[in-house]
Amino acid sequence: MNREDDWSEPTTCCECGAPIWAEVDRAFPCSADDYLCFACAERRGGVYDAFEDRWTAPPDVSGLPDERRTPLG
């Protein structure tokens, strides 16, 4: 089962707050729970190949929150 199949409600872009629907939007996952909308991902340099249906160049996610980089304590 695809992670997107679990989405019954929209999530929001971690940069601009726009709603993201998994069924129709081409969001970029920037952490386990955070996504960039298509416009923000492109603005950050991401390149999406519609023919291959995948991001061929990831956007720059520096400066975005990521629990993997947050120190414990």
PDB file of N, CA and C in Angstrom:
ATOM      1  N   MET A   1       0.833  -1.181   0.000  1.00  0.00           N
ATOM      2  CA  MET A   1       0.000   0.000   0.000  1.00  0.00           C
ATOM      3  C   MET A   1       0.875   1.241   0.000  1.00  0.00           C
ATOM      4  N   ASN A   2       0.501   2.196  -0.771  1.00  0.00           N
ATOM      5  CA  ASN A   2       1.236   3.445  -0.932  1.00  0.00           C
ATOM      6  C   ASN A   2       0.897   4.390   0.207  1.00  0.00           C
ATOM      7  N   ARG A   3       1.878   5.135   0.705  1.00  0.00           N
ATOM      8  CA  ARG A   3       1.647   6.095   1.779  1.00  0.00           C
ATOM      9  C   ARG A   3       0.533   7.078   1.396  1.00  0.00           C
ATOM     10  N   GLU A   4       0.460   7.469   0.142  1.00  0.00           N
ATOM     11  CA  GLU A   4      -0.552   8.408  -0.310  1.00  0.00           C
ATOM     12  C   GLU A   4      -1.967   7.839  -0.175  1.00  0.00           C
ATOM     13  N   ASP A   5      -2.104   6.508  -0.208  1.00  0.00           N
ATOM     14  CA  ASP A   5      -3.414   5.897  -0.072  1.00  0.00           C
ATOM     15  C   ASP A   5      -4.014   6.149   1.306  1.00  0.00           C
ATOM     16  N   ASP A   6      -3.186   6.448   2.286  1.00  0.00           N
ATOM     17  CA  ASP A   6      -3.640   6.685   3.649  1.00  0.00           C
ATOM     18  C   ASP A   6      -4.191   8.085   3.851  1.00  0.00           C
ATOM     19  N   TRP A   7      -3.955   8.995   2.931  1.00  0.00           N
ATOM     20  CA  TRP A   7      -4.373  10.388   3.093  1.00  0.00           C
ATOM     21  C   TRP A   7      -5.837  10.532   2.743  1.00  0.00           C
ATOM     22  N   SER A   8      -6.679  10.805   3.723  1.00  0.00           N
ATOM     23  CA  SER A   8      -8.077  11.079   3.428  1.00  0.00           C
ATOM     24  C   SER A   8      -8.380  12.562   3.602  1.00  0.00           C
ATOM     25  N   GLU A   9      -7.457  13.280   4.203  1.00  0.00           N
ATOM     26  CA  GLU A   9      -7.573  14.725   4.380  1.00  0.00           C
ATOM     27  C   GLU A   9      -6.295  15.366   3.869  1.00  0.00           C
ATOM     28  N   PRO A  10      -6.375  16.628   3.486  1.00  0.00           N
ATOM     29  CA  PRO A  10      -5.156  17.277   2.980  1.00  0.00           C
ATOM     30  C   PRO A  10      -4.161  17.529   4.096  1.00  0.00           C
ATOM     31  N   THR A  11      -2.908  17.589   3.714  1.00  0.00           N
ATOM     32  CA  THR A  11      -1.860  18.064   4.603  1.00  0.00           C
ATOM     33  C   THR A  11      -1.558  19.478   4.124  1.00  0.00           C
ATOM     34  N   THR A  12      -0.618  20.156   4.741  1.00  0.00           N
ATOM     35  CA  THR A  12      -0.287  21.504   4.300  1.00  0.00           C
ATOM     36  C   THR A  12       1.193  21.613   3.985  1.00  0.00           C
ATOM     37  N   CYS A  13       1.502  22.505   3.080  1.00  0.00           N
ATOM     38  CA  CYS A  13       2.883  22.783   2.719  1.00  0.00           C
ATOM     39  C   CYS A  13       3.584  23.364   3.944  1.00  0.00           C
ATOM     40  N   CYS A  14       4.759  22.854   4.254  1.00  0.00           N
ATOM     41  CA  CYS A  14       5.483  23.316   5.442  1.00  0.00           C
ATOM     42  C   CYS A  14       6.092  24.701   5.244  1.00  0.00           C
ATOM     43  N   GLU A  15       6.052  25.226   4.020  1.00  0.00           N
ATOM     44  CA  GLU A  15       6.583  26.560   3.790  1.00  0.00           C
ATOM     45  C   GLU A  15       5.478  27.613   3.650  1.00  0.00           C
ATOM     46  N   CYS A  16       4.499  27.374   2.801  1.00  0.00           N
ATOM     47  CA  CYS A  16       3.482  28.410   2.543  1.00  0.00           C
ATOM     48  C   CYS A  16       2.131  28.108   3.171  1.00  0.00           C
ATOM     49  N   GLY A  17       1.918  26.869   3.631  1.00  0.00           N
ATOM     50  CA  GLY A  17       0.660  26.507   4.262  1.00  0.00           C
ATOM     51  C   GLY A  17      -0.450  26.109   3.312  1.00  0.00           C
ATOM     52  N   ALA A  18      -0.164  26.038   2.016  1.00  0.00           N
ATOM     53  CA  ALA A  18      -1.178  25.640   1.034  1.00  0.00           C
ATOM     54  C   ALA A  18      -1.608  24.195   1.284  1.00  0.00           C
ATOM     55  N   PRO A  19      -2.892  23.890   1.063  1.00  0.00           N
ATOM     56  CA  PRO A  19      -3.332  22.499   1.229  1.00  0.00           C
ATOM     57  C   PRO A  19      -2.735  21.608   0.144  1.00  0.00           C
ATOM     58  N   ILE A  20      -2.399  20.386   0.511  1.00  0.00           N
ATOM     59  CA  ILE A  20      -1.823  19.414  -0.419  1.00  0.00           C
ATOM     60  C   ILE A  20      -2.682  18.154  -0.362  1.00  0.00           C
ATOM     61  N   TRP A  21      -3.225  17.765  -1.500  1.00  0.00           N
ATOM     62  CA  TRP A  21      -4.014  16.531  -1.622  1.00  0.00           C
ATOM     63  C   TRP A  21      -3.171  15.500  -2.342  1.00  0.00           C
ATOM     64  N   ALA A  22      -2.947  14.366  -1.734  1.00  0.00           N
ATOM     65  CA  ALA A  22      -2.079  13.333  -2.291  1.00  0.00           C
ATOM     66  C   ALA A  22      -2.563  12.808  -3.637  1.00  0.00           C
ATOM     67  N   GLU A  23      -3.877  12.767  -3.823  1.00  0.00           N
ATOM     68  CA  GLU A  23      -4.425  12.190  -5.050  1.00  0.00           C
ATOM     69  C   GLU A  23      -4.120  13.024  -6.287  1.00  0.00           C
ATOM     70  N   VAL A  24      -3.904  14.336  -6.110  1.00  0.00           N
ATOM     71  CA  VAL A  24      -3.744  15.203  -7.272  1.00  0.00           C
ATOM     72  C   VAL A  24      -2.489  16.064  -7.256  1.00  0.00           C
ATOM     73  N   ASP A  25      -1.914  16.311  -6.104  1.00  0.00           N
ATOM     74  CA  ASP A  25      -0.780  17.230  -6.015  1.00  0.00           C
ATOM     75  C   ASP A  25       0.556  16.502  -6.072  1.00  0.00           C
ATOM     76  N   ARG A  26       1.523  17.188  -6.626  1.00  0.00           N
ATOM     77  CA  ARG A  26       2.880  16.649  -6.720  1.00  0.00           C
ATOM     78  C   ARG A  26       3.730  17.281  -5.628  1.00  0.00           C
ATOM     79  N   ALA A  27       3.534  16.830  -4.424  1.00  0.00           N
ATOM     80  CA  ALA A  27       4.260  17.373  -3.284  1.00  0.00           C
ATOM     81  C   ALA A  27       5.611  16.685  -3.146  1.00  0.00           C
ATOM     82  N   PHE A  28       6.556  17.391  -2.531  1.00  0.00           N
ATOM     83  CA  PHE A  28       7.873  16.818  -2.272  1.00  0.00           C
ATOM     84  C   PHE A  28       7.999  16.558  -0.778  1.00  0.00           C
ATOM     85  N   PRO A  29       8.253  15.308  -0.369  1.00  0.00           N
ATOM     86  CA  PRO A  29       8.421  15.020   1.061  1.00  0.00           C
ATOM     87  C   PRO A  29       9.776  15.536   1.547  1.00  0.00           C
ATOM     88  N   CYS A  30       9.744  16.433   2.526  1.00  0.00           N
ATOM     89  CA  CYS A  30      11.014  16.960   3.035  1.00  0.00           C
ATOM     90  C   CYS A  30      11.347  16.389   4.402  1.00  0.00           C
ATOM     91  N   SER A  31      10.445  15.635   5.005  1.00  0.00           N
ATOM     92  CA  SER A  31      10.699  14.859   6.220  1.00  0.00           C
ATOM     93  C   SER A  31       9.591  13.818   6.310  1.00  0.00           C
ATOM     94  N   ALA A  32       9.567  13.080   7.391  1.00  0.00           N
ATOM     95  CA  ALA A  32       8.559  12.025   7.534  1.00  0.00           C
ATOM     96  C   ALA A  32       7.135  12.575   7.530  1.00  0.00           C
ATOM     97  N   ASP A  33       6.939  13.787   8.051  1.00  0.00           N
ATOM     98  CA  ASP A  33       5.599  14.347   8.160  1.00  0.00           C
ATOM     99  C   ASP A  33       5.409  15.671   7.436  1.00  0.00           C
ATOM    100  N   ASP A  34       6.434  16.201   6.832  1.00  0.00           N
ATOM    101  CA  ASP A  34       6.353  17.518   6.200  1.00  0.00           C
ATOM    102  C   ASP A  34       6.560  17.421   4.697  1.00  0.00           C
ATOM    103  N   TYR A  35       5.800  18.257   3.978  1.00  0.00           N
ATOM    104  CA  TYR A  35       5.840  18.273   2.519  1.00  0.00           C
ATOM    105  C   TYR A  35       5.911  19.698   2.012  1.00  0.00           C
ATOM    106  N   LEU A  36       6.546  19.857   0.858  1.00  0.00           N
ATOM    107  CA  LEU A  36       6.514  21.120   0.134  1.00  0.00           C
ATOM    108  C   LEU A  36       5.504  20.978  -0.989  1.00  0.00           C
ATOM    109  N   CYS A  37       4.688  22.016  -1.197  1.00  0.00           N
ATOM    110  CA  CYS A  37       3.779  21.991  -2.345  1.00  0.00           C
ATOM    111  C   CYS A  37       4.629  22.111  -3.619  1.00  0.00           C
ATOM    112  N   PHE A  38       4.006  21.841  -4.748  1.00  0.00           N
ATOM    113  CA  PHE A  38       4.719  21.868  -6.020  1.00  0.00           C
ATOM    114  C   PHE A  38       5.374  23.219  -6.267  1.00  0.00           C
ATOM    115  N   ALA A  39       4.629  24.318  -6.029  1.00  0.00           N
ATOM    116  CA  ALA A  39       5.168  25.656  -6.291  1.00  0.00           C
ATOM    117  C   ALA A  39       6.377  25.958  -5.409  1.00  0.00           C
ATOM    118  N   CYS A  40       6.298  25.624  -4.134  1.00  0.00           N
ATOM    119  CA  CYS A  40       7.425  25.889  -3.232  1.00  0.00           C
ATOM    120  C   CYS A  40       8.623  25.005  -3.581  1.00  0.00           C
ATOM    121  N   ALA A  41       8.357  23.753  -3.942  1.00  0.00           N
ATOM    122  CA  ALA A  41       9.448  22.855  -4.328  1.00  0.00           C
ATOM    123  C   ALA A  41      10.157  23.375  -5.581  1.00  0.00           C
ATOM    124  N   GLU A  42       9.392  23.844  -6.560  1.00  0.00           N
ATOM    125  CA  GLU A  42      10.008  24.416  -7.765  1.00  0.00           C
ATOM    126  C   GLU A  42      10.776  25.695  -7.442  1.00  0.00           C
ATOM    127  N   ARG A  43      10.201  26.541  -6.593  1.00  0.00           N
ATOM    128  CA  ARG A  43      10.861  27.790  -6.219  1.00  0.00           C
ATOM    129  C   ARG A  43      12.198  27.511  -5.519  1.00  0.00           C
ATOM    130  N   ARG A  44      12.286  26.378  -4.842  1.00  0.00           N
ATOM    131  CA  ARG A  44      13.523  25.992  -4.160  1.00  0.00           C
ATOM    132  C   ARG A  44      14.448  25.172  -5.063  1.00  0.00           C
ATOM    133  N   GLY A  45      14.151  25.131  -6.355  1.00  0.00           N
ATOM    134  CA  GLY A  45      15.050  24.492  -7.312  1.00  0.00           C
ATOM    135  C   GLY A  45      14.705  23.066  -7.685  1.00  0.00           C
ATOM    136  N   GLY A  46      13.614  22.528  -7.168  1.00  0.00           N
ATOM    137  CA  GLY A  46      13.216  21.164  -7.508  1.00  0.00           C
ATOM    138  C   GLY A  46      12.747  21.075  -8.955  1.00  0.00           C
ATOM    139  N   VAL A  47      13.020  19.942  -9.576  1.00  0.00           N
ATOM    140  CA  VAL A  47      12.603  19.708 -10.964  1.00  0.00           C
ATOM    141  C   VAL A  47      11.793  18.417 -11.003  1.00  0.00           C
ATOM    142  N   TYR A  48      10.559  18.543 -11.467  1.00  0.00           N
ATOM    143  CA  TYR A  48       9.653  17.399 -11.556  1.00  0.00           C
ATOM    144  C   TYR A  48       9.502  16.986 -13.005  1.00  0.00           C
ATOM    145  N   ASP A  49       9.675  15.690 -13.288  1.00  0.00           N
ATOM    146  CA  ASP A  49       9.505  15.146 -14.625  1.00  0.00           C
ATOM    147  C   ASP A  49       8.139  14.491 -14.697  1.00  0.00           C
ATOM    148  N   ALA A  50       7.191  15.140 -15.364  1.00  0.00           N
ATOM    149  CA  ALA A  50       5.824  14.630 -15.447  1.00  0.00           C
ATOM    150  C   ALA A  50       5.761  13.318 -16.229  1.00  0.00           C
ATOM    151  N   PHE A  51       6.613  13.155 -17.221  1.00  0.00           N
ATOM    152  CA  PHE A  51       6.612  11.923 -18.010  1.00  0.00           C
ATOM    153  C   PHE A  51       6.996  10.732 -17.143  1.00  0.00           C
ATOM    154  N   GLU A  52       8.031  10.906 -16.298  1.00  0.00           N
ATOM    155  CA  GLU A  52       8.472   9.828 -15.414  1.00  0.00           C
ATOM    156  C   GLU A  52       7.728   9.829 -14.080  1.00  0.00           C
ATOM    157  N   ASP A  53       6.933  10.883 -13.820  1.00  0.00           N
ATOM    158  CA  ASP A  53       6.150  11.030 -12.594  1.00  0.00           C
ATOM    159  C   ASP A  53       7.037  10.920 -11.344  1.00  0.00           C
ATOM    160  N   ARG A  54       8.112  11.741 -11.352  1.00  0.00           N
ATOM    161  CA  ARG A  54       9.020  11.754 -10.194  1.00  0.00           C
ATOM    162  C   ARG A  54       9.837  13.036 -10.199  1.00  0.00           C
ATOM    163  N   TRP A  55      10.359  13.370  -9.040  1.00  0.00           N
ATOM    164  CA  TRP A  55      11.263  14.516  -8.918  1.00  0.00           C
ATOM    165  C   TRP A  55      12.634  14.079  -9.410  1.00  0.00           C
ATOM    166  N   THR A  56      13.150  14.737 -10.438  1.00  0.00           N
ATOM    167  CA  THR A  56      14.466  14.383 -10.972  1.00  0.00           C
ATOM    168  C   THR A  56      15.577  15.180 -10.301  1.00  0.00           C
ATOM    169  N   ALA A  57      15.228  16.302  -9.698  1.00  0.00           N
ATOM    170  CA  ALA A  57      16.175  17.088  -8.898  1.00  0.00           C
ATOM    171  C   ALA A  57      15.428  17.555  -7.652  1.00  0.00           C
ATOM    172  N   PRO A  58      15.933  17.237  -6.482  1.00  0.00           N
ATOM    173  CA  PRO A  58      15.231  17.629  -5.266  1.00  0.00           C
ATOM    174  C   PRO A  58      15.365  19.123  -4.990  1.00  0.00           C
ATOM    175  N   PRO A  59      14.361  19.700  -4.352  1.00  0.00           N
ATOM    176  CA  PRO A  59      14.481  21.100  -3.953  1.00  0.00           C
ATOM    177  C   PRO A  59      15.438  21.238  -2.775  1.00  0.00           C
ATOM    178  N   ASP A  60      15.941  22.434  -2.583  1.00  0.00           N
ATOM    179  CA  ASP A  60      16.788  22.738  -1.429  1.00  0.00           C
ATOM    180  C   ASP A  60      15.883  22.852  -0.208  1.00  0.00           C
ATOM    181  N   VAL A  61      16.041  21.961   0.743  1.00  0.00           N
ATOM    182  CA  VAL A  61      15.193  21.972   1.930  1.00  0.00           C
ATOM    183  C   VAL A  61      15.890  22.591   3.137  1.00  0.00           C
ATOM    184  N   SER A  62      17.021  23.248   2.911  1.00  0.00           N
ATOM    185  CA  SER A  62      17.711  23.880   4.032  1.00  0.00           C
ATOM    186  C   SER A  62      16.819  24.966   4.628  1.00  0.00           C
ATOM    187  N   GLY A  63      16.836  25.059   5.927  1.00  0.00           N
ATOM    188  CA  GLY A  63      16.032  26.041   6.629  1.00  0.00           C
ATOM    189  C   GLY A  63      14.641  25.557   6.991  1.00  0.00           C
ATOM    190  N   LEU A  64      14.244  24.379   6.510  1.00  0.00           N
ATOM    191  CA  LEU A  64      12.943  23.816   6.861  1.00  0.00           C
ATOM    192  C   LEU A  64      13.093  22.912   8.079  1.00  0.00           C
ATOM    193  N   PRO A  65      12.060  22.830   8.909  1.00  0.00           N
ATOM    194  CA  PRO A  65      12.148  21.953  10.084  1.00  0.00           C
ATOM    195  C   PRO A  65      12.242  20.487   9.668  1.00  0.00           C
ATOM    196  N   ASP A  66      13.042  19.741  10.382  1.00  0.00           N
ATOM    197  CA  ASP A  66      13.187  18.305  10.142  1.00  0.00           C
ATOM    198  C   ASP A  66      13.557  17.664  11.466  1.00  0.00           C
ATOM    199  N   GLU A  67      12.674  16.806  11.962  1.00  0.00           N
ATOM    200  CA  GLU A  67      12.923  16.184  13.266  1.00  0.00           C
ATOM    201  C   GLU A  67      14.192  15.358  13.289  1.00  0.00           C
ATOM    202  N   ARG A  68      14.682  14.928  12.150  1.00  0.00           N
ATOM    203  CA  ARG A  68      15.925  14.157  12.121  1.00  0.00           C
ATOM    204  C   ARG A  68      17.132  15.039  12.431  1.00  0.00           C
ATOM    205  N   ARG A  69      16.987  16.369  12.259  1.00  0.00           N
ATOM    206  CA  ARG A  69      18.101  17.267  12.530  1.00  0.00           C
ATOM    207  C   ARG A  69      17.930  18.023  13.855  1.00  0.00           C
ATOM    208  N   THR A  70      16.772  17.825  14.523  1.00  0.00           N
ATOM    209  CA  THR A  70      16.503  18.538  15.768  1.00  0.00           C
ATOM    210  C   THR A  70      17.184  17.817  16.923  1.00  0.00           C
ATOM    211  N   PRO A  71      18.005  18.530  17.702  1.00  0.00           N
ATOM    212  CA  PRO A  71      18.672  17.886  18.821  1.00  0.00           C
ATOM    213  C   PRO A  71      17.672  17.513  19.915  1.00  0.00           C
ATOM    214  N   LEU A  72      17.922  16.383  20.539  1.00  0.00           N
ATOM    215  CA  LEU A  72      17.087  15.946  21.649  1.00  0.00           C
ATOM    216  C   LEU A  72      17.473  16.703  22.898  1.00  0.00           C
ATOM    217  N   GLY A  73      16.496  16.926  23.749  1.00  0.00           N
ATOM    218  CA  GLY A  73      16.878  17.498  25.023  1.00  0.00           C
ATOM    219  C   GLY A  73      16.132  18.648  25.396  1.00  0.00           C
TER     220      GLY A  73
END
